[in-house]
């Protein structure tokens, strides 16, 4: 194998390049990225950078010299337009074509754009430029509305309140994060935001983003107009499957891959937000849009491209910071699971356990209690006696 190409230049792509070199690949290694930045991590965009705790430079995965030192050809600002699997060629928007012996797709996901008037002019948060524009907009604004009460919407709301803005969250569901956390914990997170002065409107859908004289003026729902100087759409993300679909690869909510991240073409792999992968630990397919998964799948694909039998066998992980609520979550819980809580919700120091009908631990979340996530991870998938569960302190 002489030529490997990685399409995408985010965290998963960077970790794939690093893994390939660490696993001994000495051939030509090219990374193609649409953005003009070297690879960076996205969590700081809605956390440390947006809240002013760290500069954007802290988000970059590697220093500028890493690519030269590891002989990785980084093609920033280039877009792969065509993928010809029969000819093993990639067509770029520059008119160039590249050949490959193996190909890693890491094209990620894009923010879901709402099909309502004015939504295309609202803020979305995916790139460094998005984060910089949003942070600058805090400087001369008094109010902000987030459309959507998922993780990004809640983190943006917390950052905006920290910057002194009046904040409203408009959530279509009964509670933010209800399907992820269950009613008790979803209500706990809602009450956290309410206690910090956030105005939470649930069971409410935005019908239009409003503008006055070219400036954002608010949003319109079925019942009212909510004034806002800033509107942020946080309605989830859609995997960037266009290139894969055009090449005839199997796609269903992402590119379908096996436990070794291989697509329906043996020479092509998919990772990160793009990959709908078979997880051997949980026995099901997952498409995970989180930092830990991007890192781990990048590391795994470097091995499997070169013939390893290693597999996608770990429990998903993510984290969030909102006001004094700081947590880590591992596993893959279900809305039908029972939730056991150990510790003190009032002090934001507790552990939540999700148990299925057979008493198996499907997920766990440590809030304000640290250095326990590895222990919680080791318990995922095992039957537990709920009377023995503790806050691990």
Protein backbone atom coordinates (compact mmCIF):
# COMPACT_ATOMS: atom_id res chain seq x y z
CA UNK A 1 0.00 0.00 0.00
CA UNK A 2 1.60 3.22 -1.22
CA UNK A 3 -1.07 5.96 -1.06
CA UNK A 4 -3.66 6.67 1.62
CA UNK A 5 -5.97 9.67 1.42
CA UNK A 6 -8.07 11.08 4.26
CA UNK A 7 -10.99 13.26 3.15
CA UNK A 8 -11.74 15.60 6.02
CA UNK A 9 -9.45 17.50 8.37
CA UNK A 10 -11.12 17.49 11.76
CA UNK A 11 -10.15 15.69 14.95
CA UNK A 12 -10.93 12.18 13.70
CA UNK A 13 -8.93 12.79 10.52
CA UNK A 14 -5.95 14.12 12.47
CA UNK A 15 -5.97 11.13 14.82
CA UNK A 16 -6.24 8.80 11.81
CA UNK A 17 -3.13 10.36 10.26
CA UNK A 18 -1.27 10.11 13.55
CA UNK A 19 -2.33 6.49 14.02
CA UNK A 20 -1.30 5.48 10.50
CA UNK A 21 2.20 6.83 11.07
CA UNK A 22 2.43 5.25 14.53
CA UNK A 23 1.33 1.90 13.08
CA UNK A 24 4.18 2.04 10.59
CA UNK A 25 2.68 3.34 7.34
CA UNK A 26 5.52 5.00 5.41
CA UNK A 27 3.79 5.71 2.12
CA UNK A 28 2.21 8.91 0.83
CA UNK A 29 -0.41 10.25 3.23
CA UNK A 30 -2.68 13.12 2.17
CA UNK A 31 -5.40 14.90 4.14
CA UNK A 32 -7.99 17.04 2.32
CA UNK A 33 -9.88 19.63 4.36
CA UNK A 34 -12.43 22.23 3.23
CA UNK A 35 -11.54 24.64 6.03
CA UNK A 36 -8.38 26.72 5.82
CA UNK A 37 -7.33 25.76 9.34
CA UNK A 38 -5.29 22.80 10.40
CA UNK A 39 -7.36 20.23 12.36
CA UNK A 40 -8.97 21.44 15.58
CA UNK A 41 -11.31 20.15 18.28
CA UNK A 42 -14.89 21.43 18.23
CA UNK A 43 -15.97 21.20 21.92
CA UNK A 44 -14.12 24.41 22.91
CA UNK A 45 -16.18 26.37 20.37
CA UNK A 46 -19.27 26.15 22.60
CA UNK A 47 -17.37 25.87 25.87
CA UNK A 48 -13.96 27.38 26.78
CA UNK A 49 -13.58 29.68 23.77
CA UNK A 50 -17.14 31.00 23.81
CA UNK A 51 -16.95 31.66 27.56
CA UNK A 52 -13.56 33.37 27.24
CA UNK A 53 -11.67 30.79 29.30
CA UNK A 54 -9.18 29.91 26.55
CA UNK A 55 -8.01 31.23 23.17
CA UNK A 56 -8.94 29.46 19.96
CA UNK A 57 -5.33 28.36 19.48
CA UNK A 58 -5.84 25.88 22.31
CA UNK A 59 -8.32 23.97 20.13
CA UNK A 60 -5.80 22.87 17.47
CA UNK A 61 -4.98 19.16 17.57
CA UNK A 62 -1.34 19.51 16.50
CA UNK A 63 1.19 22.29 16.16
CA UNK A 64 1.78 23.76 12.73
CA UNK A 65 5.01 21.78 12.30
CA UNK A 66 3.50 18.37 13.02
CA UNK A 67 2.40 17.70 9.45
CA UNK A 68 5.84 18.39 8.02
CA UNK A 69 7.53 16.37 10.74
CA UNK A 70 5.27 13.38 10.06
CA UNK A 71 5.25 13.75 6.28
CA UNK A 72 1.51 14.33 6.06
CA UNK A 73 0.41 16.40 3.09
CA UNK A 74 -2.33 18.69 4.42
CA UNK A 75 -4.49 20.19 1.64
CA UNK A 76 -6.38 22.91 3.52
CA UNK A 77 -9.10 24.84 1.70
CA UNK A 78 -9.69 22.03 -0.81
CA UNK A 79 -12.92 20.12 -1.41
CA UNK A 80 -13.35 16.60 -2.71
CA UNK A 81 -16.11 16.81 -5.31
CA UNK A 82 -16.06 13.35 -6.92
CA UNK A 83 -15.13 9.89 -5.75
CA UNK A 84 -14.59 7.30 -8.48
CA UNK A 85 -14.18 3.98 -6.72
CA UNK A 86 -13.69 1.98 -9.90
CA UNK A 87 -10.71 4.12 -10.91
CA UNK A 88 -9.57 4.78 -7.31
CA UNK A 89 -9.53 8.51 -8.02
CA UNK A 90 -10.70 11.59 -6.10
CA UNK A 91 -11.60 14.78 -7.97
CA UNK A 92 -10.96 18.07 -6.18
CA UNK A 93 -12.61 21.43 -6.72
CA UNK A 94 -9.25 22.68 -7.98
CA UNK A 95 -9.51 20.37 -11.00
CA UNK A 96 -6.84 18.02 -9.65
CA UNK A 97 -7.29 14.31 -9.17
CA UNK A 98 -5.67 12.11 -6.56
CA UNK A 99 -5.25 8.36 -6.56
CA UNK A 100 -5.47 6.10 -3.52
CA UNK A 101 -4.90 2.56 -2.38
CA UNK A 102 -6.99 3.14 0.75
CA UNK A 103 -9.35 5.96 1.58
CA UNK A 104 -10.63 7.26 4.94
CA UNK A 105 -13.78 9.38 4.84
CA UNK A 106 -13.96 11.86 7.71
CA UNK A 107 -16.26 14.51 6.25
CA UNK A 108 -18.13 15.01 9.51
CA UNK A 109 -21.55 16.61 9.80
CA UNK A 110 -23.16 19.97 9.16
CA UNK A 111 -25.63 21.90 11.33
CA UNK A 112 -29.25 21.15 10.53
CA UNK A 113 -30.74 24.23 8.83
CA UNK A 114 -34.35 24.84 9.82
CA UNK A 115 -36.89 25.11 7.04
CA UNK A 116 -38.38 28.37 8.30
CA UNK A 117 -38.13 31.92 6.93
CA UNK A 118 -35.00 33.74 8.05
CA UNK A 119 -33.20 30.73 9.51
CA UNK A 120 -30.41 30.88 6.94
CA UNK A 121 -29.29 34.23 8.39
CA UNK A 122 -29.21 33.06 12.00
CA UNK A 123 -26.07 31.88 13.80
CA UNK A 124 -25.02 28.25 13.53
CA UNK A 125 -22.09 26.84 15.48
CA UNK A 126 -19.77 24.39 13.76
CA UNK A 127 -16.55 26.12 12.71
CA UNK A 128 -13.97 28.45 14.22
CA UNK A 129 -15.43 31.29 12.15
CA UNK A 130 -18.92 30.52 13.49
CA UNK A 131 -17.63 30.67 17.07
CA UNK A 132 -15.69 33.89 16.49
CA UNK A 133 -18.73 35.59 14.92
CA UNK A 134 -20.98 34.48 17.74
CA UNK A 135 -18.56 35.58 20.44
CA UNK A 136 -18.12 39.01 18.79
CA UNK A 137 -21.88 39.39 18.61
CA UNK A 138 -22.07 39.13 22.41
CA UNK A 139 -20.22 42.44 22.68
CA UNK A 140 -23.01 44.72 21.46
CA UNK A 141 -26.09 42.58 22.12
CA UNK A 142 -28.49 42.47 25.03
CA UNK A 143 -30.52 39.34 24.25
CA UNK A 144 -30.18 35.95 22.62
CA UNK A 145 -32.53 33.14 21.63
CA UNK A 146 -31.37 29.58 21.04
CA UNK A 147 -33.66 27.45 18.90
CA UNK A 148 -33.17 23.98 20.35
CA UNK A 149 -32.40 22.74 23.85
CA UNK A 150 -29.81 20.09 23.07
CA UNK A 151 -26.22 20.13 24.30
CA UNK A 152 -25.04 22.92 21.97
CA UNK A 153 -28.10 25.07 22.61
CA UNK A 154 -27.71 24.74 26.37
CA UNK A 155 -23.97 25.44 26.31
CA UNK A 156 -24.50 28.54 24.16
CA UNK A 157 -27.25 29.68 26.53
CA UNK A 158 -24.93 29.30 29.52
CA UNK A 159 -22.12 31.18 27.78
CA UNK A 160 -24.46 34.00 26.79
CA UNK A 161 -25.79 34.34 30.33
CA UNK A 162 -22.20 34.46 31.55
CA UNK A 163 -21.64 37.35 29.15
CA UNK A 164 -24.59 39.22 30.68
CA UNK A 165 -27.18 38.65 27.95
CA UNK A 166 -30.86 37.95 28.46
CA UNK A 167 -31.36 34.41 27.16
CA UNK A 168 -34.36 32.45 25.96
CA UNK A 169 -34.27 28.77 24.98
CA UNK A 170 -37.05 27.66 22.65
CA UNK A 171 -37.45 23.88 22.77
CA UNK A 172 -40.02 21.90 20.79
CA UNK A 173 -40.09 19.03 23.28
CA UNK A 174 -41.47 18.73 26.77
CA UNK A 175 -38.03 19.30 28.31
CA UNK A 176 -34.49 19.81 27.00
CA UNK A 177 -32.56 16.51 26.77
CA UNK A 178 -35.59 14.47 27.80
CA UNK A 179 -34.79 11.50 25.55
CA UNK A 180 -31.13 11.52 26.62
CA UNK A 181 -31.42 12.01 30.37
CA UNK A 182 -34.96 11.00 31.30
CA UNK A 183 -37.51 13.22 33.03
CA UNK A 184 -35.88 13.68 36.45
CA UNK A 185 -32.46 14.74 35.16
CA UNK A 186 -33.84 16.69 32.21
CA UNK A 187 -35.92 18.66 34.71
CA UNK A 188 -32.82 19.13 36.87
CA UNK A 189 -30.91 20.67 33.95
CA UNK A 190 -33.91 22.86 33.10
CA UNK A 191 -34.12 24.11 36.67
CA UNK A 192 -30.40 24.87 36.60
CA UNK A 193 -30.88 27.19 33.63
CA UNK A 194 -33.98 28.76 35.14
CA UNK A 195 -32.06 29.46 38.35
CA UNK A 196 -29.52 31.40 36.29
CA UNK A 197 -32.18 33.58 34.72
CA UNK A 198 -32.67 31.72 31.44
CA UNK A 199 -36.20 31.94 30.04
CA UNK A 200 -37.16 28.42 28.92
CA UNK A 201 -40.07 27.95 26.50
CA UNK A 202 -40.91 24.26 26.00
CA UNK A 203 -43.43 22.62 23.64
CA UNK A 204 -42.77 25.64 21.42
CA UNK A 205 -41.61 25.83 17.81
CA UNK A 206 -40.16 28.84 16.05
CA UNK A 207 -41.95 29.69 12.82
CA UNK A 208 -39.75 32.58 11.63
CA UNK A 209 -36.50 34.36 12.47
CA UNK A 210 -37.23 38.08 12.33
CA UNK A 211 -35.09 40.95 11.05
CA UNK A 212 -35.51 44.70 11.17
CA UNK A 213 -33.37 46.90 8.96
CA UNK A 214 -31.02 44.01 8.26
CA UNK A 215 -30.49 43.24 11.95
CA UNK A 216 -31.87 40.35 13.96
CA UNK A 217 -34.91 41.40 15.96
CA UNK A 218 -36.26 38.14 17.33
CA UNK A 219 -38.24 35.02 16.54
CA UNK A 220 -41.92 34.38 15.94
CA UNK A 221 -43.74 31.36 17.37
CA UNK A 222 -47.38 30.40 16.94
CA UNK A 223 -48.30 32.44 20.03
CA UNK A 224 -45.86 35.33 20.34
CA UNK A 225 -42.82 37.24 19.17
CA UNK A 226 -39.72 36.88 21.33
CA UNK A 227 -37.29 39.81 20.92
CA UNK A 228 -33.61 38.95 20.44
CA UNK A 229 -30.48 40.64 19.12
CA UNK A 230 -28.94 37.21 18.40
CA UNK A 231 -30.62 34.00 17.24
CA UNK A 232 -28.70 30.72 17.35
CA UNK A 233 -30.08 27.63 15.65
CA UNK A 234 -29.00 24.50 17.54
CA UNK A 235 -31.22 21.87 15.94
CA UNK A 236 -28.76 19.03 15.59
CA UNK A 237 -26.48 17.98 12.77
CA UNK A 238 -26.70 16.06 9.50
CA UNK A 239 -23.85 13.78 8.35
CA UNK A 240 -22.08 14.91 5.19
CA UNK A 241 -22.79 11.80 3.11
CA UNK A 242 -22.99 13.39 -0.35
CA UNK A 243 -19.58 12.25 -1.54
CA UNK A 244 -20.14 8.70 -0.30
CA UNK A 245 -23.64 8.49 -1.79
CA UNK A 246 -22.39 9.75 -5.14
CA UNK A 247 -19.79 6.97 -5.17
CA UNK A 248 -22.38 4.29 -4.43
CA UNK A 249 -21.39 3.49 -0.84
CA UNK A 250 -24.11 2.27 1.52
CA UNK A 251 -25.60 5.15 3.49
CA UNK A 252 -28.27 5.32 6.21
CA UNK A 253 -27.98 8.18 8.74
CA UNK A 254 -24.29 8.30 7.93
CA UNK A 255 -22.01 5.99 6.00
CA UNK A 256 -22.60 2.39 7.05
CA UNK A 257 -19.44 0.70 8.32
CA UNK A 258 -18.65 -2.51 10.16
CA UNK A 259 -16.91 -2.89 13.50
CA UNK A 260 -13.57 -2.18 11.80
CA UNK A 261 -14.95 1.00 10.22
CA UNK A 262 -14.90 -0.49 6.71
CA UNK A 263 -17.59 0.61 4.24
CA UNK A 264 -19.27 -1.47 1.56
CA UNK A 265 -16.04 -1.01 -0.43
CA UNK A 266 -13.13 -2.85 1.20
CA UNK A 267 -10.68 -0.05 0.42
CA UNK A 268 -12.78 2.72 1.95
CA UNK A 269 -13.32 3.47 5.65
CA UNK A 270 -15.46 6.08 7.44
CA UNK A 271 -14.97 7.60 10.89
CA UNK A 272 -16.22 10.25 13.29
CA UNK A 273 -19.54 12.07 12.93
CA UNK A 274 -19.96 10.55 9.46
CA UNK A 275 -19.79 6.88 10.44
CA UNK A 276 -22.81 4.79 11.36
CA UNK A 277 -20.75 1.97 12.83
CA UNK A 278 -21.43 -1.44 14.34
CA UNK A 279 -20.48 -1.35 18.02
CA UNK A 280 -19.53 -4.82 19.27
CA UNK A 281 -19.90 -3.91 22.96
CA UNK A 282 -23.51 -2.81 22.59
CA UNK A 283 -24.39 -5.04 19.64
CA UNK A 284 -25.95 -2.23 17.64
CA UNK A 285 -25.16 0.53 15.17
CA UNK A 286 -24.26 3.97 16.48
CA UNK A 287 -23.48 7.31 14.89
CA UNK A 288 -21.85 9.39 17.61
CA UNK A 289 -21.12 13.13 17.29
CA UNK A 290 -18.73 13.54 20.18
CA UNK A 291 -15.06 14.32 20.78
CA UNK A 292 -14.12 11.00 22.37
CA UNK A 293 -15.57 9.01 19.49
CA UNK A 294 -13.70 11.09 16.93
CA UNK A 295 -10.41 10.46 18.73
CA UNK A 296 -10.96 6.74 19.25
CA UNK A 297 -12.24 5.99 15.77
CA UNK A 298 -9.34 7.94 14.28
CA UNK A 299 -6.92 5.82 16.30
CA UNK A 300 -8.77 2.61 15.38
CA UNK A 301 -8.90 3.24 11.65
CA UNK A 302 -5.13 3.71 11.50
CA UNK A 303 -4.86 0.12 12.69
CA UNK A 304 -7.66 -1.45 10.64
CA UNK A 305 -6.57 0.14 7.35
CA UNK A 306 -3.27 -1.64 7.84
CA UNK A 307 -4.90 -5.00 8.57
CA UNK A 308 -5.52 -5.09 12.33
CA UNK A 309 -8.55 -6.99 13.63
CA UNK A 310 -9.16 -4.40 16.35
CA UNK A 311 -12.81 -3.35 16.60
CA UNK A 312 -15.18 -0.58 17.67
CA UNK A 313 -15.82 -2.02 21.12
CA UNK A 314 -16.06 0.90 23.55
CA UNK A 315 -18.94 2.72 25.19
CA UNK A 316 -19.66 6.24 23.87
CA UNK A 317 -18.53 9.16 26.04
CA UNK A 318 -19.26 12.87 26.14
CA UNK A 319 -19.03 15.78 28.55
CA UNK A 320 -20.53 19.19 29.09
CA UNK A 321 -20.04 22.33 31.19
CA UNK A 322 -23.02 24.57 31.88
CA UNK A 323 -22.82 27.01 34.78
CA UNK A 324 -21.88 24.86 37.82
CA UNK A 325 -23.16 21.69 36.09
CA UNK A 326 -20.08 19.85 34.85
CA UNK A 327 -20.34 16.20 33.94
CA UNK A 328 -19.10 13.17 32.03
CA UNK A 329 -21.44 10.58 30.50
CA UNK A 330 -20.49 7.11 29.31
CA UNK A 331 -22.65 4.47 27.66
CA UNK A 332 -25.83 4.57 25.63
CA UNK A 333 -28.96 4.86 27.74
CA UNK A 334 -32.55 4.55 26.57
CA UNK A 335 -35.66 6.58 27.46
CA UNK A 336 -37.14 3.33 28.79
CA UNK A 337 -34.29 2.76 31.27
CA UNK A 338 -34.71 3.33 34.98
CA UNK A 339 -32.43 5.97 36.50
CA UNK A 340 -30.82 5.58 39.91
CA UNK A 341 -29.12 8.64 41.46
CA UNK A 342 -26.51 8.56 44.18
CA UNK A 343 -25.21 11.76 45.75
CA UNK A 344 -26.62 15.27 46.05
CA UNK A 345 -28.39 16.96 43.12
CA UNK A 346 -28.54 20.26 45.00
CA UNK A 347 -24.73 20.56 45.19
CA UNK A 348 -24.21 19.20 41.64
CA UNK A 349 -22.22 16.27 43.03
CA UNK A 350 -23.84 12.98 42.10
CA UNK A 351 -23.71 9.93 39.87
CA UNK A 352 -26.66 8.78 37.76
CA UNK A 353 -26.98 5.18 36.62
CA UNK A 354 -29.23 4.00 33.75
CA UNK A 355 -30.49 0.39 34.05
CA UNK A 356 -32.47 -1.59 31.51
CA UNK A 357 -35.25 -4.05 32.33
CA UNK A 358 -32.75 -6.85 32.94
CA UNK A 359 -30.77 -4.80 35.46
CA UNK A 360 -27.87 -4.14 33.07
CA UNK A 361 -26.11 -0.82 33.33
CA UNK A 362 -26.53 0.94 29.98
CA UNK A 363 -25.06 4.34 30.91
CA UNK A 364 -23.68 6.37 33.79
CA UNK A 365 -23.05 10.06 34.38
CA UNK A 366 -20.72 11.58 36.97
CA UNK A 367 -21.50 15.17 37.90
CA UNK A 368 -18.98 17.11 39.98
CA UNK A 369 -17.30 13.86 41.03
CA UNK A 370 -14.08 13.21 39.16
CA UNK A 371 -11.64 10.39 38.38
CA UNK A 372 -14.44 7.82 38.39
CA UNK A 373 -15.35 7.62 34.71
CA UNK A 374 -13.03 4.69 33.97
CA UNK A 375 -14.68 2.72 36.74
CA UNK A 376 -18.12 3.60 35.41
CA UNK A 377 -17.04 2.65 31.89
CA UNK A 378 -15.98 -0.80 33.11
CA UNK A 379 -19.48 -1.37 34.50
CA UNK A 380 -21.33 -0.67 31.24
CA UNK A 381 -23.14 -3.77 30.01
CA UNK A 382 -22.93 -5.63 33.34
CA UNK A 383 -25.79 -6.59 35.63
CA UNK A 384 -25.69 -4.62 38.86
CA UNK A 385 -27.47 -4.79 42.18
CA UNK A 386 -28.95 -1.31 42.48
CA UNK A 387 -28.74 -1.48 46.28
CA UNK A 388 -24.92 -1.54 45.99
CA UNK A 389 -24.67 1.54 43.76
CA UNK A 390 -22.91 4.52 45.36
CA UNK A 391 -21.48 7.88 44.39
CA UNK A 392 -18.02 6.17 44.42
CA UNK A 393 -16.60 8.54 47.03
